[in-house]
Amino acid sequence: MNSSNALRLTRRGFTLAALSSVSVAAACGNGIGSSGPATIDARVDATLNEMYRTYPNTQTLSQKSTGMLVMPLVTEAGFGLGGAYGRGALRIDGVTVDYYSTTKASAGLQIGAQQYAHVLFFMTEDALLGFRRSPGWAAGADLEYVISDNGQNVTAETTTALAPVLAAVFGQAGLRVGATLEGTKYTRIIP
């Protein structure tokens, strides 16, 4: 085997490596004595700053919401079967109150990997309470998105009347077109 073959990474190899690293990251560590919370909080701050800068109307949603779940980096990979994993924080009045992981499994025609961030805005106390009390809350098809596929913000006045939970999904290179969080599961963690 020559060195160029040894270094070449096939799509299948890349996808399998990405999925296995997601599994290992999810299984490692109990969080005691780690810098996990500080790292997550720093990433949450950077994600919120970028969202507010890129999509200014989300500041109004933030002020009107009873809480926000911020997932700064979700890695999604697939080769036939796929999955996603990320960690983030639930903030109420700008203060982190809990940490969460997100997971998603999918099947179908898919090849490759991507990374994106998302924020859930809880617009009612009932929605926030339901999320916090759930042992594993799953995003459903009724979730309303506050950034349209062409990158335009939906006005805060319109969206607050539509759903108790609103979502903003955006990628490192901009908007994630056709984004959906349906089937994504959130679980409280100790980072």
N, C-alpha and C. Protein backbone atom coordinates (compact mmCIF):
# COMPACT_ATOMS: atom_id res chain seq x y z
N MET A 1 0.86 -1.18 0.00
CA MET A 1 0.00 0.00 0.00
C MET A 1 0.90 1.23 0.00
N ASN A 2 0.67 2.13 -0.93
CA ASN A 2 1.50 3.34 -0.94
C ASN A 2 0.94 4.37 0.02
N SER A 3 1.73 5.41 0.29
CA SER A 3 1.34 6.39 1.31
C SER A 3 0.10 7.19 0.90
N SER A 4 -0.11 7.42 -0.40
CA SER A 4 -1.30 8.19 -0.79
C SER A 4 -2.58 7.40 -0.52
N ASN A 5 -2.53 6.08 -0.66
CA ASN A 5 -3.71 5.27 -0.33
C ASN A 5 -3.94 5.22 1.17
N ALA A 6 -2.87 5.22 1.94
CA ALA A 6 -3.01 5.15 3.39
C ALA A 6 -3.62 6.43 3.95
N LEU A 7 -3.37 7.56 3.31
CA LEU A 7 -3.85 8.84 3.81
C LEU A 7 -5.21 9.22 3.25
N ARG A 8 -5.61 8.57 2.17
CA ARG A 8 -6.88 8.92 1.54
C ARG A 8 -8.03 8.44 2.41
N LEU A 9 -8.98 9.31 2.64
CA LEU A 9 -10.14 8.99 3.46
C LEU A 9 -11.36 8.95 2.56
N THR A 10 -11.98 7.81 2.49
CA THR A 10 -13.18 7.68 1.66
C THR A 10 -14.35 8.34 2.36
N ARG A 11 -15.41 8.59 1.63
CA ARG A 11 -16.62 9.17 2.23
C ARG A 11 -17.16 8.26 3.32
N ARG A 12 -17.15 6.97 3.03
CA ARG A 12 -17.66 6.01 4.01
C ARG A 12 -16.78 6.02 5.26
N GLY A 13 -15.48 6.03 5.06
CA GLY A 13 -14.56 6.07 6.20
C GLY A 13 -14.72 7.34 7.02
N PHE A 14 -14.89 8.47 6.33
CA PHE A 14 -15.09 9.74 7.02
C PHE A 14 -16.37 9.71 7.84
N THR A 15 -17.44 9.22 7.23
CA THR A 15 -18.73 9.19 7.91
C THR A 15 -18.69 8.26 9.11
N LEU A 16 -18.10 7.09 8.94
CA LEU A 16 -18.00 6.15 10.06
C LEU A 16 -17.15 6.73 11.18
N ALA A 17 -16.05 7.40 10.82
CA ALA A 17 -15.21 8.03 11.84
C ALA A 17 -15.96 9.14 12.57
N ALA A 18 -16.72 9.94 11.82
CA ALA A 18 -17.49 11.03 12.44
C ALA A 18 -18.54 10.48 13.39
N LEU A 19 -19.24 9.44 12.96
CA LEU A 19 -20.27 8.85 13.81
C LEU A 19 -19.67 8.20 15.05
N SER A 20 -18.53 7.53 14.90
CA SER A 20 -17.92 6.90 16.07
C SER A 20 -17.39 7.94 17.04
N SER A 21 -16.87 9.06 16.54
CA SER A 21 -16.39 10.09 17.45
C SER A 21 -17.56 10.74 18.20
N VAL A 22 -18.72 10.85 17.54
CA VAL A 22 -19.90 11.37 18.22
C VAL A 22 -20.30 10.43 19.35
N SER A 23 -20.28 9.11 19.09
CA SER A 23 -20.64 8.13 20.11
C SER A 23 -19.67 8.15 21.27
N VAL A 24 -18.37 8.22 20.98
CA VAL A 24 -17.36 8.26 22.03
C VAL A 24 -17.50 9.53 22.86
N ALA A 25 -17.71 10.66 22.21
CA ALA A 25 -17.87 11.92 22.94
C ALA A 25 -19.08 11.87 23.84
N ALA A 26 -20.14 11.22 23.39
CA ALA A 26 -21.36 11.15 24.19
C ALA A 26 -21.19 10.24 25.40
N ALA A 27 -20.30 9.25 25.30
CA ALA A 27 -20.17 8.27 26.36
C ALA A 27 -19.08 8.60 27.38
N CYS A 28 -18.19 9.51 27.08
CA CYS A 28 -17.04 9.77 27.94
C CYS A 28 -17.34 10.79 29.02
N GLY A 29 -16.81 10.52 30.20
CA GLY A 29 -16.78 11.52 31.26
C GLY A 29 -18.07 11.71 32.00
N ASN A 30 -17.93 11.96 33.31
CA ASN A 30 -19.10 12.26 34.12
C ASN A 30 -19.18 13.74 34.44
N GLY A 31 -18.20 14.52 34.07
CA GLY A 31 -18.27 15.96 34.23
C GLY A 31 -17.72 16.50 35.53
N ILE A 32 -17.48 15.65 36.50
CA ILE A 32 -17.01 16.14 37.79
C ILE A 32 -15.56 16.62 37.65
N GLY A 33 -15.34 17.87 38.00
CA GLY A 33 -14.00 18.45 37.92
C GLY A 33 -13.56 18.81 36.52
N SER A 34 -14.47 18.81 35.56
CA SER A 34 -14.08 19.13 34.18
C SER A 34 -14.33 20.60 33.89
N SER A 35 -13.80 21.04 32.76
CA SER A 35 -14.04 22.42 32.33
C SER A 35 -15.23 22.48 31.37
N GLY A 36 -16.01 21.41 31.31
CA GLY A 36 -17.16 21.33 30.39
C GLY A 36 -18.13 22.48 30.49
N PRO A 37 -18.59 22.83 31.71
CA PRO A 37 -19.55 23.94 31.79
C PRO A 37 -19.00 25.26 31.26
N ALA A 38 -17.77 25.58 31.59
CA ALA A 38 -17.17 26.84 31.12
C ALA A 38 -17.04 26.84 29.60
N THR A 39 -16.66 25.70 29.03
CA THR A 39 -16.52 25.59 27.58
C THR A 39 -17.87 25.77 26.90
N ILE A 40 -18.89 25.09 27.42
CA ILE A 40 -20.23 25.20 26.83
C ILE A 40 -20.73 26.64 26.93
N ASP A 41 -20.57 27.26 28.11
CA ASP A 41 -21.03 28.65 28.28
C ASP A 41 -20.33 29.61 27.33
N ALA A 42 -19.04 29.43 27.12
CA ALA A 42 -18.31 30.30 26.19
C ALA A 42 -18.83 30.12 24.77
N ARG A 43 -19.11 28.89 24.38
CA ARG A 43 -19.65 28.63 23.04
C ARG A 43 -21.06 29.18 22.89
N VAL A 44 -21.86 29.09 23.96
CA VAL A 44 -23.21 29.64 23.94
C VAL A 44 -23.15 31.16 23.75
N ASP A 45 -22.27 31.83 24.49
CA ASP A 45 -22.12 33.28 24.35
C ASP A 45 -21.74 33.65 22.92
N ALA A 46 -20.78 32.94 22.34
CA ALA A 46 -20.34 33.24 20.97
C ALA A 46 -21.46 32.99 19.97
N THR A 47 -22.23 31.94 20.17
CA THR A 47 -23.34 31.62 19.26
C THR A 47 -24.42 32.69 19.33
N LEU A 48 -24.78 33.11 20.54
CA LEU A 48 -25.79 34.16 20.68
C LEU A 48 -25.33 35.46 20.05
N ASN A 49 -24.07 35.83 20.28
CA ASN A 49 -23.54 37.06 19.67
C ASN A 49 -23.61 37.00 18.15
N GLU A 50 -23.27 35.85 17.57
CA GLU A 50 -23.31 35.70 16.11
C GLU A 50 -24.76 35.73 15.61
N MET A 51 -25.67 35.08 16.32
CA MET A 51 -27.07 35.08 15.90
C MET A 51 -27.64 36.50 15.95
N TYR A 52 -27.39 37.23 17.03
CA TYR A 52 -27.91 38.60 17.15
C TYR A 52 -27.32 39.51 16.08
N ARG A 53 -26.05 39.31 15.74
CA ARG A 53 -25.41 40.13 14.72
C ARG A 53 -25.97 39.82 13.34
N THR A 54 -26.14 38.53 13.04
CA THR A 54 -26.59 38.10 11.71
C THR A 54 -28.10 38.25 11.53
N TYR A 55 -28.86 37.95 12.57
CA TYR A 55 -30.32 37.99 12.52
C TYR A 55 -30.82 38.87 13.66
N PRO A 56 -30.78 40.19 13.49
CA PRO A 56 -31.09 41.14 14.57
C PRO A 56 -32.47 40.97 15.22
N ASN A 57 -33.46 40.52 14.47
CA ASN A 57 -34.80 40.37 15.06
C ASN A 57 -34.85 39.30 16.14
N THR A 58 -33.84 38.43 16.18
CA THR A 58 -33.83 37.41 17.23
C THR A 58 -33.58 38.03 18.61
N GLN A 59 -33.05 39.24 18.67
CA GLN A 59 -32.89 39.93 19.96
C GLN A 59 -34.25 40.20 20.60
N THR A 60 -35.22 40.58 19.79
CA THR A 60 -36.57 40.82 20.29
C THR A 60 -37.18 39.53 20.82
N LEU A 61 -36.98 38.44 20.08
CA LEU A 61 -37.49 37.15 20.54
C LEU A 61 -36.85 36.75 21.86
N SER A 62 -35.58 36.99 21.96
CA SER A 62 -34.86 36.68 23.20
C SER A 62 -35.46 37.42 24.39
N GLN A 63 -35.75 38.68 24.20
CA GLN A 63 -36.31 39.50 25.27
C GLN A 63 -37.72 39.05 25.64
N LYS A 64 -38.49 38.56 24.66
CA LYS A 64 -39.87 38.13 24.92
C LYS A 64 -39.96 36.70 25.44
N SER A 65 -38.91 35.91 25.25
CA SER A 65 -38.97 34.50 25.62
C SER A 65 -38.82 34.32 27.13
N THR A 66 -39.35 33.19 27.62
CA THR A 66 -39.20 32.85 29.04
C THR A 66 -37.91 32.07 29.27
N GLY A 67 -37.31 31.57 28.21
CA GLY A 67 -36.05 30.85 28.28
C GLY A 67 -35.59 30.48 26.88
N MET A 68 -34.29 30.18 26.75
CA MET A 68 -33.72 29.81 25.45
C MET A 68 -32.78 28.62 25.64
N LEU A 69 -32.92 27.63 24.79
CA LEU A 69 -31.97 26.54 24.73
C LEU A 69 -31.03 26.82 23.57
N VAL A 70 -29.75 26.95 23.86
CA VAL A 70 -28.77 27.30 22.84
C VAL A 70 -27.85 26.11 22.61
N MET A 71 -27.83 25.60 21.39
CA MET A 71 -26.96 24.50 21.00
C MET A 71 -25.92 25.06 20.02
N PRO A 72 -24.73 25.40 20.52
CA PRO A 72 -23.75 26.10 19.70
C PRO A 72 -23.16 25.28 18.56
N LEU A 73 -23.03 23.98 18.74
CA LEU A 73 -22.40 23.17 17.70
C LEU A 73 -23.01 21.78 17.71
N VAL A 74 -23.77 21.49 16.66
CA VAL A 74 -24.33 20.16 16.48
C VAL A 74 -23.65 19.58 15.24
N THR A 75 -23.10 18.39 15.40
CA THR A 75 -22.44 17.70 14.29
C THR A 75 -23.37 16.59 13.82
N GLU A 76 -23.66 16.61 12.53
CA GLU A 76 -24.56 15.63 11.93
C GLU A 76 -23.80 14.93 10.80
N ALA A 77 -23.83 13.60 10.81
CA ALA A 77 -23.14 12.83 9.78
C ALA A 77 -24.00 11.65 9.40
N GLY A 78 -23.83 11.19 8.16
CA GLY A 78 -24.61 10.05 7.72
C GLY A 78 -24.06 9.40 6.47
N PHE A 79 -24.26 8.12 6.40
CA PHE A 79 -24.00 7.33 5.20
C PHE A 79 -25.08 6.26 5.19
N GLY A 80 -26.23 6.57 4.63
CA GLY A 80 -27.40 5.69 4.73
C GLY A 80 -28.11 5.95 6.04
N LEU A 81 -27.50 5.52 7.14
CA LEU A 81 -27.98 5.84 8.48
C LEU A 81 -27.20 7.04 8.98
N GLY A 82 -27.84 7.90 9.72
CA GLY A 82 -27.15 9.09 10.18
C GLY A 82 -27.48 9.41 11.62
N GLY A 83 -26.75 10.35 12.15
CA GLY A 83 -26.99 10.78 13.51
C GLY A 83 -26.42 12.17 13.73
N ALA A 84 -26.82 12.76 14.84
CA ALA A 84 -26.34 14.09 15.20
C ALA A 84 -26.15 14.13 16.71
N TYR A 85 -25.20 14.96 17.15
CA TYR A 85 -24.96 15.12 18.57
C TYR A 85 -24.42 16.52 18.82
N GLY A 86 -24.81 17.09 19.95
CA GLY A 86 -24.29 18.39 20.36
C GLY A 86 -24.62 18.62 21.83
N ARG A 87 -23.97 19.64 22.40
CA ARG A 87 -24.24 20.01 23.80
C ARG A 87 -24.47 21.51 23.86
N GLY A 88 -25.33 21.92 24.80
CA GLY A 88 -25.63 23.33 24.93
C GLY A 88 -26.18 23.64 26.31
N ALA A 89 -26.76 24.83 26.43
CA ALA A 89 -27.23 25.30 27.73
C ALA A 89 -28.61 25.93 27.62
N LEU A 90 -29.39 25.74 28.68
CA LEU A 90 -30.68 26.40 28.82
C LEU A 90 -30.45 27.66 29.63
N ARG A 91 -30.85 28.79 29.07
CA ARG A 91 -30.69 30.07 29.76
C ARG A 91 -32.05 30.68 30.04
N ILE A 92 -32.18 31.17 31.27
CA ILE A 92 -33.37 31.90 31.69
C ILE A 92 -32.88 33.24 32.22
N ASP A 93 -33.42 34.32 31.68
CA ASP A 93 -32.99 35.68 32.04
C ASP A 93 -31.48 35.84 31.88
N GLY A 94 -30.92 35.24 30.83
CA GLY A 94 -29.50 35.39 30.52
C GLY A 94 -28.56 34.56 31.37
N VAL A 95 -29.09 33.71 32.24
CA VAL A 95 -28.27 32.89 33.13
C VAL A 95 -28.45 31.42 32.79
N THR A 96 -27.35 30.67 32.71
CA THR A 96 -27.42 29.24 32.47
C THR A 96 -28.01 28.54 33.69
N VAL A 97 -29.07 27.75 33.48
CA VAL A 97 -29.71 27.02 34.57
C VAL A 97 -29.52 25.51 34.45
N ASP A 98 -29.30 25.00 33.24
CA ASP A 98 -29.09 23.57 32.99
C ASP A 98 -28.29 23.40 31.71
N TYR A 99 -27.69 22.22 31.59
CA TYR A 99 -26.98 21.85 30.37
C TYR A 99 -27.71 20.67 29.72
N TYR A 100 -27.70 20.65 28.39
CA TYR A 100 -28.42 19.62 27.65
C TYR A 100 -27.56 19.07 26.52
N SER A 101 -27.85 17.82 26.16
CA SER A 101 -27.30 17.26 24.93
C SER A 101 -28.45 17.10 23.95
N THR A 102 -28.11 17.07 22.70
CA THR A 102 -29.10 16.83 21.65
C THR A 102 -28.63 15.66 20.81
N THR A 103 -29.56 14.80 20.47
CA THR A 103 -29.25 13.66 19.60
C THR A 103 -30.36 13.53 18.56
N LYS A 104 -29.98 12.98 17.44
CA LYS A 104 -30.96 12.77 16.37
C LYS A 104 -30.47 11.59 15.53
N ALA A 105 -31.36 10.71 15.19
CA ALA A 105 -31.05 9.59 14.31
C ALA A 105 -31.90 9.72 13.06
N SER A 106 -31.34 9.32 11.93
CA SER A 106 -32.09 9.42 10.68
C SER A 106 -31.68 8.28 9.75
N ALA A 107 -32.55 7.98 8.83
CA ALA A 107 -32.28 6.96 7.83
C ALA A 107 -32.74 7.48 6.47
N GLY A 108 -32.16 6.94 5.44
CA GLY A 108 -32.53 7.36 4.10
C GLY A 108 -31.30 7.74 3.30
N LEU A 109 -31.52 8.32 2.15
CA LEU A 109 -30.43 8.68 1.27
C LEU A 109 -29.70 9.90 1.82
N GLN A 110 -28.52 9.67 2.38
CA GLN A 110 -27.72 10.76 2.93
C GLN A 110 -26.26 10.35 2.95
N ILE A 111 -25.41 11.26 2.58
CA ILE A 111 -23.98 11.02 2.61
C ILE A 111 -23.32 12.33 3.04
N GLY A 112 -22.41 12.26 3.99
CA GLY A 112 -21.65 13.43 4.37
C GLY A 112 -21.88 13.86 5.80
N ALA A 113 -21.36 15.03 6.10
CA ALA A 113 -21.45 15.57 7.45
C ALA A 113 -21.61 17.08 7.38
N GLN A 114 -22.21 17.65 8.42
CA GLN A 114 -22.36 19.10 8.51
C GLN A 114 -22.42 19.50 9.97
N GLN A 115 -22.15 20.76 10.21
CA GLN A 115 -22.25 21.30 11.56
C GLN A 115 -23.11 22.54 11.51
N TYR A 116 -23.91 22.72 12.56
CA TYR A 116 -24.79 23.88 12.62
C TYR A 116 -25.10 24.19 14.08
N ALA A 117 -25.68 25.35 14.29
CA ALA A 117 -26.12 25.77 15.62
C ALA A 117 -27.62 25.97 15.57
N HIS A 118 -28.27 25.87 16.73
CA HIS A 118 -29.67 26.24 16.78
C HIS A 118 -30.05 26.72 18.17
N VAL A 119 -31.09 27.53 18.18
CA VAL A 119 -31.60 28.11 19.42
C VAL A 119 -33.11 27.87 19.45
N LEU A 120 -33.60 27.35 20.58
CA LEU A 120 -35.03 27.22 20.80
C LEU A 120 -35.46 28.33 21.74
N PHE A 121 -36.48 29.08 21.34
CA PHE A 121 -37.05 30.15 22.16
C PHE A 121 -38.34 29.62 22.78
N PHE A 122 -38.41 29.55 24.09
CA PHE A 122 -39.64 29.14 24.77
C PHE A 122 -40.43 30.41 25.06
N MET A 123 -41.58 30.54 24.39
CA MET A 123 -42.32 31.78 24.44
C MET A 123 -43.39 31.81 25.53
N THR A 124 -43.64 30.67 26.16
CA THR A 124 -44.61 30.62 27.26
C THR A 124 -43.99 29.88 28.44
N GLU A 125 -44.47 30.19 29.63
CA GLU A 125 -44.01 29.48 30.84
C GLU A 125 -44.36 27.99 30.75
N ASP A 126 -45.54 27.66 30.21
CA ASP A 126 -45.94 26.26 30.08
C ASP A 126 -45.00 25.48 29.17
N ALA A 127 -44.59 26.08 28.07
CA ALA A 127 -43.66 25.41 27.15
C ALA A 127 -42.31 25.16 27.84
N LEU A 128 -41.82 26.17 28.55
CA LEU A 128 -40.55 26.03 29.26
C LEU A 128 -40.65 24.98 30.36
N LEU A 129 -41.72 25.01 31.11
CA LEU A 129 -41.91 24.06 32.20
C LEU A 129 -42.02 22.63 31.65
N GLY A 130 -42.76 22.47 30.57
CA GLY A 130 -42.88 21.15 29.94
C GLY A 130 -41.54 20.62 29.47
N PHE A 131 -40.72 21.49 28.91
CA PHE A 131 -39.38 21.11 28.46
C PHE A 131 -38.52 20.68 29.65
N ARG A 132 -38.52 21.48 30.71
CA ARG A 132 -37.66 21.21 31.86
C ARG A 132 -38.09 19.96 32.63
N ARG A 133 -39.36 19.66 32.65
CA ARG A 133 -39.87 18.49 33.38
C ARG A 133 -39.71 17.19 32.60
N SER A 134 -39.53 17.29 31.31
CA SER A 134 -39.45 16.11 30.47
C SER A 134 -38.11 15.40 30.64
N PRO A 135 -38.11 14.06 30.76
CA PRO A 135 -36.85 13.33 30.85
C PRO A 135 -36.12 13.27 29.51
N GLY A 136 -36.79 13.56 28.44
CA GLY A 136 -36.20 13.56 27.10
C GLY A 136 -37.16 14.19 26.12
N TRP A 137 -37.09 15.50 25.98
CA TRP A 137 -38.03 16.26 25.15
C TRP A 137 -37.64 16.12 23.69
N ALA A 138 -38.60 15.86 22.83
CA ALA A 138 -38.33 15.71 21.39
C ALA A 138 -39.03 16.83 20.63
N ALA A 139 -38.29 17.42 19.69
CA ALA A 139 -38.86 18.47 18.84
C ALA A 139 -39.82 17.83 17.85
N GLY A 140 -40.98 18.46 17.67
CA GLY A 140 -42.00 17.92 16.78
C GLY A 140 -42.17 18.75 15.53
N ALA A 141 -43.09 18.31 14.69
CA ALA A 141 -43.36 18.99 13.42
C ALA A 141 -44.02 20.34 13.63
N ASP A 142 -44.57 20.59 14.83
CA ASP A 142 -45.27 21.85 15.09
C ASP A 142 -44.33 22.99 15.48
N LEU A 143 -43.04 22.74 15.49
CA LEU A 143 -42.06 23.77 15.82
C LEU A 143 -42.08 24.85 14.74
N GLU A 144 -42.13 26.11 15.13
CA GLU A 144 -42.11 27.22 14.17
C GLU A 144 -40.67 27.74 14.05
N TYR A 145 -40.27 28.06 12.83
CA TYR A 145 -38.91 28.55 12.56
C TYR A 145 -38.95 30.06 12.35
N VAL A 146 -38.00 30.77 12.96
CA VAL A 146 -38.02 32.23 12.92
C VAL A 146 -37.10 32.82 11.85
N ILE A 147 -36.43 31.97 11.11
CA ILE A 147 -35.60 32.43 9.99
C ILE A 147 -36.06 31.63 8.79
N SER A 148 -36.47 32.33 7.72
CA SER A 148 -36.97 31.63 6.55
C SER A 148 -35.81 31.11 5.71
N ASP A 149 -36.12 30.23 4.73
CA ASP A 149 -35.09 29.61 3.90
C ASP A 149 -34.24 30.61 3.13
N ASN A 150 -34.77 31.80 2.86
CA ASN A 150 -33.97 32.77 2.12
C ASN A 150 -33.21 33.71 3.05
N GLY A 151 -33.20 33.38 4.34
CA GLY A 151 -32.40 34.15 5.28
C GLY A 151 -33.11 35.33 5.90
N GLN A 152 -34.36 35.54 5.56
CA GLN A 152 -35.10 36.66 6.11
C GLN A 152 -35.64 36.32 7.49
N ASN A 153 -35.60 37.27 8.37
CA ASN A 153 -36.19 37.09 9.70
C ASN A 153 -37.71 37.20 9.59
N VAL A 154 -38.40 36.36 10.33
CA VAL A 154 -39.83 36.50 10.48
C VAL A 154 -40.01 37.50 11.62
N THR A 155 -40.94 38.40 11.51
CA THR A 155 -41.08 39.41 12.56
C THR A 155 -41.51 38.77 13.87
N ALA A 156 -40.98 39.28 14.95
CA ALA A 156 -41.25 38.72 16.27
C ALA A 156 -42.74 38.78 16.61
N GLU A 157 -43.43 39.83 16.20
CA GLU A 157 -44.85 39.97 16.52
C GLU A 157 -45.67 38.84 15.88
N THR A 158 -45.31 38.45 14.67
CA THR A 158 -46.03 37.39 13.98
C THR A 158 -45.76 36.04 14.61
N THR A 159 -44.50 35.73 14.87
CA THR A 159 -44.15 34.40 15.32
C THR A 159 -44.57 34.13 16.76
N THR A 160 -44.58 35.12 17.61
CA THR A 160 -44.94 34.85 19.00
C THR A 160 -46.37 34.38 19.13
N ALA A 161 -47.23 34.70 18.19
CA ALA A 161 -48.61 34.26 18.25
C ALA A 161 -48.79 32.87 17.65
N LEU A 162 -47.79 32.36 16.95
CA LEU A 162 -47.95 31.11 16.22
C LEU A 162 -47.63 29.85 17.02
N ALA A 163 -46.65 29.88 17.88
CA ALA A 163 -46.23 28.66 18.57
C ALA A 163 -45.58 28.98 19.91
N PRO A 164 -45.69 28.06 20.87
CA PRO A 164 -45.05 28.29 22.16
C PRO A 164 -43.54 28.09 22.13
N VAL A 165 -43.04 27.36 21.11
CA VAL A 165 -41.59 27.15 20.97
C VAL A 165 -41.20 27.54 19.55
N LEU A 166 -40.22 28.42 19.43
CA LEU A 166 -39.71 28.89 18.14
C LEU A 166 -38.27 28.46 17.99
N ALA A 167 -37.82 28.24 16.76
CA ALA A 167 -36.46 27.77 16.52
C ALA A 167 -35.75 28.63 15.49
N ALA A 168 -34.48 28.86 15.74
CA ALA A 168 -33.58 29.48 14.76
C ALA A 168 -32.46 28.48 14.51
N VAL A 169 -32.29 28.06 13.27
CA VAL A 169 -31.26 27.10 12.90
C VAL A 169 -30.36 27.78 11.88
N PHE A 170 -29.08 27.79 12.16
CA PHE A 170 -28.15 28.44 11.25
C PHE A 170 -26.82 27.71 11.28
N GLY A 171 -26.11 27.75 10.15
CA GLY A 171 -24.84 27.05 10.03
C GLY A 171 -23.68 27.98 10.17
N GLN A 172 -22.50 27.38 10.22
CA GLN A 172 -21.29 28.17 10.34
C GLN A 172 -21.06 29.04 9.11
N ALA A 173 -21.61 28.60 7.99
CA ALA A 173 -21.46 29.38 6.76
C ALA A 173 -22.76 30.10 6.41
N GLY A 174 -23.62 30.30 7.39
CA GLY A 174 -24.87 30.99 7.14
C GLY A 174 -26.06 30.12 7.44
N LEU A 175 -27.17 30.44 6.83
CA LEU A 175 -28.43 29.76 7.06
C LEU A 175 -28.37 28.31 6.58
N ARG A 176 -28.95 27.42 7.35
CA ARG A 176 -29.07 26.02 6.94
C ARG A 176 -30.42 25.89 6.24
N VAL A 177 -30.41 25.86 4.90
CA VAL A 177 -31.63 25.88 4.10
C VAL A 177 -32.40 24.57 4.29
N GLY A 178 -33.71 24.70 4.47
CA GLY A 178 -34.56 23.53 4.64
C GLY A 178 -34.35 22.83 5.97
N ALA A 179 -33.83 23.54 6.94
CA ALA A 179 -33.50 22.95 8.23
C ALA A 179 -34.74 22.47 8.95
N THR A 180 -34.61 21.36 9.60
CA THR A 180 -35.69 20.87 10.45
C THR A 180 -35.07 20.20 11.68
N LEU A 181 -35.70 20.41 12.81
CA LEU A 181 -35.25 19.80 14.05
C LEU A 181 -36.18 18.66 14.45
N GLU A 182 -37.14 18.34 13.59
CA GLU A 182 -38.10 17.29 13.91
C GLU A 182 -37.36 15.99 14.23
N GLY A 183 -37.74 15.37 15.35
CA GLY A 183 -37.11 14.13 15.77
C GLY A 183 -35.86 14.32 16.61
N THR A 184 -35.46 15.56 16.83
CA THR A 184 -34.29 15.84 17.67
C THR A 184 -34.71 15.70 19.13
N LYS A 185 -33.89 14.99 19.91
CA LYS A 185 -34.20 14.75 21.31
C LYS A 185 -33.20 15.50 22.19
N TYR A 186 -33.72 16.13 23.25
CA TYR A 186 -32.91 16.90 24.18
C TYR A 186 -32.96 16.24 25.56
N THR A 187 -31.80 16.08 26.17
CA THR A 187 -31.70 15.43 27.47
C THR A 187 -30.79 16.25 28.38
N ARG A 188 -31.20 16.45 29.63
CA ARG A 188 -30.39 17.19 30.60
C ARG A 188 -29.13 16.38 30.91
N ILE A 189 -27.98 17.08 31.00
CA ILE A 189 -26.70 16.42 31.28
C ILE A 189 -25.94 17.16 32.37
N ILE A 190 -24.92 16.51 32.89
CA ILE A 190 -23.92 17.16 33.76
C ILE A 190 -22.64 17.13 32.95
N PRO A 191 -22.22 18.29 32.41
CA PRO A 191 -21.04 18.30 31.52
C PRO A 191 -19.74 18.08 32.28
